[in-house]
N, C-alpha and C. Protein backbone atom coordinates (compact mmCIF):
# COMPACT_ATOMS: atom_id res chain seq x y z
N MET A 1 139.77 64.52 7.01
CA MET A 1 139.33 64.70 8.38
C MET A 1 139.63 66.13 8.81
N LEU A 2 138.66 66.73 9.45
CA LEU A 2 138.79 68.10 9.94
C LEU A 2 138.59 68.15 11.44
N LEU A 3 139.17 69.16 12.08
CA LEU A 3 138.93 69.40 13.49
C LEU A 3 137.66 70.21 13.61
N LEU A 4 136.68 69.69 14.33
CA LEU A 4 135.39 70.33 14.51
C LEU A 4 135.17 70.55 16.00
N HIS A 5 134.20 71.39 16.34
CA HIS A 5 133.95 71.72 17.73
C HIS A 5 132.52 71.36 18.12
N GLY A 6 132.38 70.60 19.20
CA GLY A 6 131.08 70.33 19.78
C GLY A 6 130.24 69.32 19.04
N THR A 7 129.00 69.27 19.46
CA THR A 7 128.02 68.31 18.94
C THR A 7 127.73 68.59 17.47
N PRO A 8 127.74 67.55 16.65
CA PRO A 8 127.44 67.75 15.22
C PRO A 8 125.99 68.15 15.02
N GLU A 9 125.75 68.94 13.99
CA GLU A 9 124.39 69.38 13.69
C GLU A 9 123.47 68.21 13.38
N ASP A 10 124.04 67.14 12.84
CA ASP A 10 123.24 65.98 12.48
C ASP A 10 123.27 64.89 13.56
N ALA A 11 123.54 65.26 14.79
CA ALA A 11 123.67 64.28 15.87
C ALA A 11 122.44 63.38 16.01
N ASN A 12 121.27 63.93 15.75
CA ASN A 12 120.04 63.13 15.92
C ASN A 12 119.85 62.09 14.82
N THR A 13 120.67 62.13 13.76
CA THR A 13 120.57 61.13 12.70
C THR A 13 121.70 60.11 12.77
N ARG A 14 122.58 60.27 13.73
CA ARG A 14 123.70 59.33 13.89
C ARG A 14 123.25 58.15 14.75
N GLU A 15 124.15 57.16 14.88
CA GLU A 15 123.81 56.01 15.73
C GLU A 15 123.42 56.51 17.12
N GLU A 16 122.45 55.84 17.71
CA GLU A 16 121.92 56.27 19.00
C GLU A 16 123.01 56.36 20.07
N ARG A 17 123.93 55.40 20.10
CA ARG A 17 124.98 55.42 21.13
C ARG A 17 125.89 56.64 20.96
N GLU A 18 126.14 57.05 19.73
CA GLU A 18 126.94 58.25 19.48
C GLU A 18 126.17 59.50 19.92
N SER A 19 124.91 59.56 19.57
CA SER A 19 124.08 60.71 19.96
C SER A 19 123.99 60.84 21.48
N ARG A 20 123.88 59.70 22.18
CA ARG A 20 123.84 59.73 23.65
C ARG A 20 125.14 60.29 24.23
N THR A 21 126.26 59.99 23.59
CA THR A 21 127.54 60.52 24.05
C THR A 21 127.54 62.04 23.98
N TYR A 22 127.13 62.58 22.85
CA TYR A 22 127.11 64.04 22.70
C TYR A 22 126.12 64.67 23.67
N ALA A 23 124.98 64.03 23.86
CA ALA A 23 123.98 64.55 24.80
C ALA A 23 124.55 64.60 26.23
N LEU A 24 125.27 63.56 26.62
CA LEU A 24 125.87 63.54 27.95
C LEU A 24 126.90 64.65 28.11
N LEU A 25 127.76 64.81 27.13
CA LEU A 25 128.78 65.87 27.20
C LEU A 25 128.12 67.25 27.27
N ASP A 26 127.09 67.46 26.47
CA ASP A 26 126.37 68.74 26.49
C ASP A 26 125.69 68.96 27.83
N GLU A 27 125.06 67.92 28.35
CA GLU A 27 124.36 68.01 29.64
C GLU A 27 125.33 68.38 30.77
N LEU A 28 126.54 67.85 30.70
CA LEU A 28 127.54 68.11 31.73
C LEU A 28 128.34 69.40 31.47
N GLY A 29 128.03 70.08 30.37
CA GLY A 29 128.71 71.32 30.04
C GLY A 29 130.18 71.13 29.70
N ILE A 30 130.49 70.04 29.04
CA ILE A 30 131.87 69.74 28.69
C ILE A 30 132.14 70.14 27.24
N PRO A 31 132.99 71.13 27.04
CA PRO A 31 133.36 71.50 25.67
C PRO A 31 134.28 70.41 25.09
N PHE A 32 134.09 70.09 23.83
CA PHE A 32 134.92 69.06 23.21
C PHE A 32 135.13 69.37 21.74
N ASP A 33 136.20 68.82 21.22
CA ASP A 33 136.50 68.87 19.80
C ASP A 33 136.30 67.47 19.25
N ARG A 34 136.08 67.40 17.95
CA ARG A 34 135.87 66.08 17.35
C ARG A 34 136.36 66.09 15.91
N THR A 35 136.53 64.92 15.40
CA THR A 35 136.75 64.73 13.98
C THR A 35 135.91 63.54 13.54
N ASP A 36 135.27 63.68 12.42
CA ASP A 36 134.45 62.62 11.87
C ASP A 36 135.23 61.95 10.74
N HIS A 37 135.21 60.64 10.71
CA HIS A 37 135.93 59.89 9.68
C HIS A 37 135.12 58.67 9.26
N PRO A 38 133.88 58.90 8.75
CA PRO A 38 132.99 57.79 8.42
C PRO A 38 133.55 56.85 7.35
N ASP A 39 134.38 57.37 6.46
CA ASP A 39 134.95 56.52 5.41
C ASP A 39 136.27 55.88 5.84
N ARG A 40 136.74 56.21 7.06
CA ARG A 40 137.99 55.65 7.59
C ARG A 40 137.81 55.29 9.06
N PRO A 41 137.11 54.20 9.35
CA PRO A 41 136.95 53.80 10.76
C PRO A 41 138.31 53.62 11.42
N ALA A 42 138.41 54.04 12.66
CA ALA A 42 139.68 53.95 13.40
C ALA A 42 139.90 52.53 13.87
N SER A 43 140.19 51.65 12.93
CA SER A 43 140.40 50.25 13.26
C SER A 43 141.83 49.79 12.96
N THR A 44 142.66 50.71 12.46
CA THR A 44 144.07 50.40 12.24
C THR A 44 144.92 51.47 12.91
N MET A 45 146.16 51.12 13.20
CA MET A 45 147.06 52.08 13.83
C MET A 45 147.31 53.28 12.90
N GLU A 46 147.28 53.06 11.60
CA GLU A 46 147.49 54.14 10.63
C GLU A 46 146.38 55.20 10.76
N VAL A 47 145.14 54.76 10.79
CA VAL A 47 144.02 55.69 10.92
C VAL A 47 144.06 56.36 12.30
N CYS A 48 144.36 55.59 13.34
CA CYS A 48 144.45 56.17 14.69
C CYS A 48 145.51 57.26 14.73
N ALA A 49 146.62 57.05 14.04
CA ALA A 49 147.68 58.08 14.00
C ALA A 49 147.19 59.35 13.32
N GLU A 50 146.39 59.20 12.26
CA GLU A 50 145.81 60.36 11.59
C GLU A 50 144.87 61.12 12.53
N VAL A 51 144.04 60.38 13.23
CA VAL A 51 143.10 60.98 14.18
C VAL A 51 143.86 61.70 15.28
N ASP A 52 144.88 61.04 15.84
CA ASP A 52 145.71 61.65 16.88
C ASP A 52 146.28 62.98 16.41
N ALA A 53 146.76 63.02 15.17
CA ALA A 53 147.37 64.23 14.63
C ALA A 53 146.34 65.36 14.49
N ILE A 54 145.16 65.03 14.03
CA ILE A 54 144.13 66.05 13.87
C ILE A 54 143.65 66.58 15.21
N LEU A 55 143.43 65.69 16.18
CA LEU A 55 142.95 66.11 17.49
C LEU A 55 144.08 66.57 18.41
N ASP A 56 145.33 66.35 18.00
CA ASP A 56 146.49 66.68 18.81
C ASP A 56 146.36 66.04 20.20
N VAL A 57 146.13 64.73 20.17
CA VAL A 57 145.92 63.95 21.40
C VAL A 57 146.30 62.51 21.09
N HIS A 58 146.57 61.75 22.14
CA HIS A 58 146.82 60.32 21.98
C HIS A 58 145.57 59.56 22.43
N ILE A 59 144.87 58.99 21.47
CA ILE A 59 143.70 58.20 21.83
C ILE A 59 144.19 56.92 22.49
N CYS A 60 143.59 56.59 23.60
CA CYS A 60 144.03 55.47 24.42
C CYS A 60 143.64 54.12 23.83
N LYS A 61 144.36 53.11 24.29
CA LYS A 61 144.00 51.72 24.03
C LYS A 61 142.92 51.37 25.05
N ASN A 62 141.83 50.79 24.59
CA ASN A 62 140.71 50.40 25.45
C ASN A 62 140.52 48.90 25.32
N LEU A 63 140.68 48.18 26.43
CA LEU A 63 140.56 46.73 26.40
C LEU A 63 139.43 46.29 27.32
N PHE A 64 138.55 45.46 26.77
CA PHE A 64 137.43 44.92 27.56
C PHE A 64 137.83 43.52 28.00
N LEU A 65 137.96 43.33 29.31
CA LEU A 65 138.54 42.12 29.87
C LEU A 65 137.58 41.45 30.85
N CYS A 66 137.86 40.20 31.17
CA CYS A 66 137.10 39.50 32.19
C CYS A 66 137.98 38.46 32.87
N ASN A 67 137.50 37.96 34.01
CA ASN A 67 138.20 36.87 34.67
C ASN A 67 137.83 35.55 33.99
N ARG A 68 138.49 34.49 34.39
CA ARG A 68 138.28 33.19 33.76
C ARG A 68 136.83 32.73 33.85
N GLN A 69 136.17 33.02 34.97
CA GLN A 69 134.80 32.57 35.19
C GLN A 69 133.76 33.44 34.46
N GLU A 70 134.21 34.54 33.86
CA GLU A 70 133.33 35.49 33.18
C GLU A 70 132.28 36.04 34.14
N THR A 71 132.75 36.37 35.36
CA THR A 71 131.87 36.97 36.36
C THR A 71 132.28 38.39 36.71
N ASP A 72 133.53 38.74 36.45
CA ASP A 72 134.05 40.09 36.70
C ASP A 72 134.54 40.67 35.38
N PHE A 73 134.08 41.89 35.09
CA PHE A 73 134.41 42.52 33.82
C PHE A 73 135.12 43.85 34.07
N TYR A 74 136.06 44.17 33.18
CA TYR A 74 136.89 45.36 33.34
C TYR A 74 137.03 46.07 32.00
N LEU A 75 136.99 47.39 32.04
CA LEU A 75 137.35 48.20 30.89
C LEU A 75 138.65 48.88 31.27
N LEU A 76 139.73 48.49 30.60
CA LEU A 76 141.06 49.04 30.86
C LEU A 76 141.36 50.14 29.85
N ILE A 77 141.74 51.30 30.36
CA ILE A 77 142.17 52.42 29.52
C ILE A 77 143.65 52.64 29.79
N MET A 78 144.45 52.58 28.73
CA MET A 78 145.89 52.71 28.89
C MET A 78 146.48 53.41 27.66
N PRO A 79 147.70 53.97 27.79
CA PRO A 79 148.32 54.58 26.62
C PRO A 79 148.46 53.57 25.49
N GLY A 80 148.22 54.03 24.29
CA GLY A 80 148.26 53.14 23.13
C GLY A 80 149.61 52.55 22.84
N ASP A 81 150.67 53.21 23.29
CA ASP A 81 152.01 52.71 23.00
C ASP A 81 152.59 51.86 24.13
N LYS A 82 151.82 51.62 25.17
CA LYS A 82 152.29 50.83 26.30
C LYS A 82 151.85 49.38 26.10
N PRO A 83 152.76 48.41 26.32
CA PRO A 83 152.36 47.01 26.15
C PRO A 83 151.43 46.57 27.28
N PHE A 84 150.53 45.67 26.95
CA PHE A 84 149.61 45.12 27.93
C PHE A 84 150.14 43.79 28.44
N ARG A 85 150.34 43.70 29.74
CA ARG A 85 150.80 42.47 30.37
C ARG A 85 149.74 42.02 31.38
N THR A 86 149.08 40.94 31.05
CA THR A 86 147.99 40.43 31.87
C THR A 86 148.41 40.19 33.31
N LYS A 87 149.58 39.60 33.52
CA LYS A 87 150.04 39.24 34.86
C LYS A 87 150.13 40.47 35.77
N ASN A 88 150.70 41.54 35.25
CA ASN A 88 150.87 42.78 36.01
C ASN A 88 149.51 43.34 36.44
N LEU A 89 148.57 43.41 35.51
CA LEU A 89 147.25 43.95 35.83
C LEU A 89 146.48 43.01 36.76
N SER A 90 146.52 41.73 36.50
CA SER A 90 145.81 40.76 37.35
C SER A 90 146.24 40.89 38.80
N ARG A 91 147.55 41.03 39.01
CA ARG A 91 148.07 41.16 40.38
C ARG A 91 147.50 42.41 41.05
N GLN A 92 147.47 43.52 40.34
CA GLN A 92 146.97 44.78 40.91
C GLN A 92 145.47 44.73 41.19
N LEU A 93 144.74 43.98 40.40
CA LEU A 93 143.29 43.88 40.59
C LEU A 93 142.91 42.76 41.55
N GLY A 94 143.88 41.91 41.89
CA GLY A 94 143.60 40.81 42.79
C GLY A 94 142.72 39.75 42.17
N THR A 95 142.91 39.52 40.88
CA THR A 95 142.13 38.51 40.18
C THR A 95 143.08 37.64 39.36
N ALA A 96 142.66 36.45 39.09
CA ALA A 96 143.50 35.53 38.33
C ALA A 96 143.04 35.45 36.88
N ARG A 97 143.98 35.27 36.01
CA ARG A 97 143.75 34.99 34.61
C ARG A 97 142.76 35.91 33.91
N LEU A 98 143.15 37.11 33.67
CA LEU A 98 142.34 38.02 32.86
C LEU A 98 142.50 37.65 31.39
N SER A 99 141.43 37.80 30.65
CA SER A 99 141.48 37.60 29.20
C SER A 99 140.49 38.55 28.56
N PHE A 100 140.50 38.58 27.25
CA PHE A 100 139.56 39.44 26.55
C PHE A 100 138.15 38.87 26.69
N ALA A 101 137.21 39.73 27.03
CA ALA A 101 135.83 39.31 27.21
C ALA A 101 135.16 39.13 25.85
N LYS A 102 134.15 38.32 25.83
CA LYS A 102 133.40 38.06 24.60
C LYS A 102 132.63 39.30 24.17
N GLU A 103 132.46 39.39 22.86
CA GLU A 103 131.72 40.51 22.27
C GLU A 103 130.30 40.62 22.84
N GLU A 104 129.68 39.49 23.13
CA GLU A 104 128.30 39.53 23.64
C GLU A 104 128.22 40.29 24.98
N PHE A 105 129.25 40.18 25.82
CA PHE A 105 129.26 40.90 27.09
C PHE A 105 129.51 42.39 26.87
N MET A 106 130.35 42.70 25.88
CA MET A 106 130.61 44.09 25.54
C MET A 106 129.31 44.78 25.11
N LYS A 107 128.56 44.10 24.29
CA LYS A 107 127.27 44.63 23.83
C LYS A 107 126.28 44.72 24.99
N GLN A 108 126.20 43.67 25.79
CA GLN A 108 125.24 43.62 26.89
C GLN A 108 125.48 44.71 27.93
N PHE A 109 126.71 44.90 28.34
CA PHE A 109 127.02 45.83 29.44
C PHE A 109 127.30 47.26 28.98
N LEU A 110 128.01 47.41 27.85
CA LEU A 110 128.46 48.74 27.43
C LEU A 110 127.79 49.25 26.16
N ASP A 111 126.99 48.41 25.50
CA ASP A 111 126.36 48.75 24.22
C ASP A 111 127.42 49.18 23.20
N LEU A 112 128.52 48.41 23.17
CA LEU A 112 129.63 48.69 22.26
C LEU A 112 129.99 47.45 21.46
N TYR A 113 130.73 47.68 20.38
CA TYR A 113 131.22 46.61 19.53
C TYR A 113 132.73 46.74 19.42
N PRO A 114 133.42 45.65 19.07
CA PRO A 114 134.87 45.74 18.88
C PRO A 114 135.24 46.87 17.93
N GLY A 115 136.26 47.60 18.28
CA GLY A 115 136.70 48.74 17.48
C GLY A 115 136.12 50.05 17.95
N SER A 116 135.03 49.99 18.72
CA SER A 116 134.40 51.23 19.19
C SER A 116 134.47 51.36 20.71
N VAL A 117 135.24 50.49 21.35
CA VAL A 117 135.30 50.48 22.81
C VAL A 117 135.85 51.82 23.30
N SER A 118 135.17 52.38 24.29
CA SER A 118 135.48 53.71 24.79
C SER A 118 134.96 53.85 26.21
N VAL A 119 135.63 54.70 26.97
CA VAL A 119 135.16 55.01 28.32
C VAL A 119 133.73 55.55 28.29
N MET A 120 133.34 56.17 27.20
CA MET A 120 131.99 56.72 27.10
C MET A 120 130.94 55.61 27.15
N GLY A 121 131.31 54.38 26.86
CA GLY A 121 130.39 53.26 26.97
C GLY A 121 129.97 52.98 28.41
N MET A 122 130.72 53.53 29.38
CA MET A 122 130.35 53.33 30.78
C MET A 122 128.98 53.94 31.09
N MET A 123 128.53 54.90 30.26
CA MET A 123 127.21 55.50 30.49
C MET A 123 126.10 54.48 30.25
N ASN A 124 126.41 53.41 29.52
CA ASN A 124 125.42 52.39 29.22
C ASN A 124 125.40 51.26 30.24
N ASP A 125 126.35 51.27 31.17
CA ASP A 125 126.46 50.22 32.18
C ASP A 125 125.67 50.63 33.43
N ARG A 126 124.37 50.65 33.28
CA ARG A 126 123.52 51.12 34.37
C ARG A 126 123.56 50.20 35.60
N GLY A 127 123.87 48.95 35.41
CA GLY A 127 123.95 48.00 36.51
C GLY A 127 125.34 47.94 37.14
N HIS A 128 126.24 48.77 36.65
CA HIS A 128 127.63 48.82 37.16
C HIS A 128 128.25 47.42 37.21
N GLN A 129 128.16 46.74 36.09
CA GLN A 129 128.73 45.40 35.95
C GLN A 129 130.21 45.43 35.57
N VAL A 130 130.67 46.58 35.07
CA VAL A 130 132.04 46.70 34.56
C VAL A 130 132.83 47.63 35.48
N THR A 131 134.02 47.20 35.85
CA THR A 131 134.93 48.04 36.63
C THR A 131 135.83 48.79 35.67
N LEU A 132 135.86 50.11 35.80
CA LEU A 132 136.74 50.92 34.97
C LEU A 132 138.12 50.94 35.60
N VAL A 133 139.12 50.61 34.81
CA VAL A 133 140.51 50.58 35.25
C VAL A 133 141.30 51.53 34.36
N ILE A 134 142.02 52.47 34.98
CA ILE A 134 142.76 53.47 34.21
C ILE A 134 144.23 53.43 34.62
N ASP A 135 145.10 53.32 33.63
CA ASP A 135 146.53 53.42 33.89
C ASP A 135 146.84 54.87 34.28
N GLU A 136 147.63 55.04 35.33
CA GLU A 136 147.92 56.37 35.86
C GLU A 136 148.51 57.33 34.83
N ASP A 137 149.22 56.81 33.83
CA ASP A 137 149.82 57.68 32.81
C ASP A 137 148.76 58.41 31.99
N VAL A 138 147.60 57.79 31.80
CA VAL A 138 146.51 58.42 31.05
C VAL A 138 146.08 59.71 31.75
N LEU A 139 146.05 59.69 33.06
CA LEU A 139 145.57 60.83 33.84
C LEU A 139 146.57 61.97 33.89
N GLN A 140 147.79 61.73 33.42
CA GLN A 140 148.81 62.78 33.40
C GLN A 140 148.69 63.66 32.16
N GLU A 141 147.97 63.19 31.18
CA GLU A 141 147.80 63.95 29.93
C GLU A 141 146.82 65.10 30.14
N GLU A 142 147.09 66.24 29.51
CA GLU A 142 146.20 67.39 29.62
C GLU A 142 144.86 67.13 28.93
N MET A 143 144.93 66.48 27.76
CA MET A 143 143.72 66.20 26.99
C MET A 143 143.51 64.69 26.90
N PHE A 144 142.23 64.31 26.82
CA PHE A 144 141.84 62.91 26.74
C PHE A 144 141.12 62.71 25.41
N GLY A 145 141.52 61.68 24.68
CA GLY A 145 140.88 61.36 23.41
C GLY A 145 140.22 60.01 23.45
N CYS A 146 139.04 59.91 22.84
CA CYS A 146 138.33 58.64 22.79
C CYS A 146 137.32 58.67 21.66
N HIS A 147 136.64 57.57 21.47
CA HIS A 147 135.56 57.50 20.49
C HIS A 147 134.24 57.77 21.21
N PRO A 148 133.29 58.39 20.51
CA PRO A 148 131.96 58.60 21.10
C PRO A 148 131.07 57.36 20.89
N CYS A 149 131.60 56.21 21.27
CA CYS A 149 130.92 54.91 21.18
C CYS A 149 130.76 54.38 19.76
N VAL A 150 131.41 55.02 18.81
CA VAL A 150 131.52 54.52 17.43
C VAL A 150 132.94 54.83 16.97
N ASN A 151 133.48 54.04 16.04
CA ASN A 151 134.85 54.30 15.62
C ASN A 151 134.94 55.09 14.31
N THR A 152 133.86 55.78 13.97
CA THR A 152 133.86 56.63 12.78
C THR A 152 133.91 58.11 13.16
N SER A 153 134.04 58.40 14.44
CA SER A 153 134.25 59.74 14.96
C SER A 153 135.16 59.61 16.17
N SER A 154 135.85 60.68 16.49
CA SER A 154 136.73 60.70 17.67
C SER A 154 136.60 62.07 18.31
N ILE A 155 136.76 62.11 19.63
CA ILE A 155 136.60 63.36 20.37
C ILE A 155 137.77 63.56 21.33
N ARG A 156 137.93 64.80 21.78
CA ARG A 156 138.90 65.12 22.82
C ARG A 156 138.30 66.18 23.73
N PHE A 157 138.72 66.13 24.99
CA PHE A 157 138.32 67.12 25.98
C PHE A 157 139.37 67.08 27.08
N PRO A 158 139.41 68.09 27.94
CA PRO A 158 140.39 68.07 29.04
C PRO A 158 140.21 66.83 29.92
N THR A 159 141.31 66.18 30.23
CA THR A 159 141.29 64.96 31.03
C THR A 159 140.60 65.18 32.37
N LYS A 160 140.76 66.37 32.93
CA LYS A 160 140.15 66.64 34.24
C LYS A 160 138.63 66.48 34.19
N TYR A 161 138.02 66.72 33.03
CA TYR A 161 136.57 66.56 32.93
C TYR A 161 136.16 65.09 33.00
N LEU A 162 137.05 64.20 32.58
CA LEU A 162 136.75 62.78 32.71
C LEU A 162 136.61 62.41 34.18
N THR A 163 137.59 62.82 34.98
CA THR A 163 137.60 62.43 36.40
C THR A 163 136.73 63.30 37.28
N GLU A 164 136.53 64.56 36.91
CA GLU A 164 135.80 65.49 37.77
C GLU A 164 134.31 65.62 37.42
N ARG A 165 133.94 65.30 36.18
CA ARG A 165 132.53 65.46 35.78
C ARG A 165 131.88 64.19 35.25
N ILE A 166 132.53 63.59 34.24
CA ILE A 166 131.88 62.47 33.56
C ILE A 166 131.72 61.26 34.48
N LEU A 167 132.83 60.79 35.03
CA LEU A 167 132.75 59.58 35.86
C LEU A 167 131.88 59.78 37.10
N PRO A 168 132.00 60.92 37.82
CA PRO A 168 131.08 61.12 38.95
C PRO A 168 129.60 61.15 38.53
N ALA A 169 129.31 61.75 37.38
CA ALA A 169 127.92 61.80 36.91
C ALA A 169 127.39 60.40 36.61
N LEU A 170 128.28 59.50 36.22
CA LEU A 170 127.88 58.13 35.90
C LEU A 170 127.93 57.21 37.12
N GLY A 171 128.41 57.73 38.24
CA GLY A 171 128.54 56.90 39.44
C GLY A 171 129.66 55.89 39.33
N VAL A 172 130.70 56.23 38.55
CA VAL A 172 131.80 55.32 38.31
C VAL A 172 133.03 55.76 39.11
N GLN A 173 133.54 54.86 39.92
CA GLN A 173 134.78 55.10 40.67
C GLN A 173 135.86 54.23 40.04
N PRO A 174 136.78 54.83 39.28
CA PRO A 174 137.78 54.01 38.59
C PRO A 174 138.84 53.46 39.55
N VAL A 175 139.42 52.36 39.13
CA VAL A 175 140.58 51.80 39.81
C VAL A 175 141.79 52.29 39.03
N ILE A 176 142.70 52.96 39.71
CA ILE A 176 143.90 53.48 39.06
C ILE A 176 145.03 52.47 39.26
N VAL A 177 145.70 52.12 38.16
CA VAL A 177 146.78 51.14 38.22
C VAL A 177 148.05 51.72 37.61
N HIS A 178 149.15 51.05 37.91
CA HIS A 178 150.44 51.41 37.32
C HIS A 178 150.89 50.24 36.46
N LEU A 179 150.81 50.42 35.15
CA LEU A 179 151.24 49.38 34.22
C LEU A 179 152.66 49.71 33.76
N GLU A 180 153.49 48.69 33.75
CA GLU A 180 154.89 48.86 33.36
C GLU A 180 154.98 49.09 31.86
N GLY A 181 155.93 49.95 31.47
CA GLY A 181 156.21 50.18 30.05
C GLY A 181 157.17 49.14 29.54
N GLU A 182 157.92 49.49 28.53
CA GLU A 182 158.91 48.56 27.96
C GLU A 182 159.85 48.23 29.04
């Protein structure tokens, strides 16, 4: 894995969701670094640690959640090393019994699959069916790392661009929460 800069030359031959991510970043004038790891999908903590080291960033844990009735959906972005406690988040969101949402809803709303969940999938939620929830600790980091809607590449850019450019361009107003650590 190498540290690369900007949109790959072969972006038009990659998966459409990945190409759309690069197009959005370019359209918004957001400089970014990336690493491609097609032979090592970031599906284990070992590979994620390698990616983190190359990008010099902590890629966040991304959880796609829903309420018991499967009527409210949430994309939670939190530090990877912080434990997830449903009760704490449910209380802050004013909803009961959060659980992991089904893959079919992830595909329907975010055009994503397990292992590739990323804030960049919010660009595919044109009906604003998913509420973006961000742990406040994520916003304290200088750089933000995520997948470009596939888990065979990873990107980083200044965190301020997430809140100041990307989310406003998508019409997304995140809910900021405080999740307890250990």
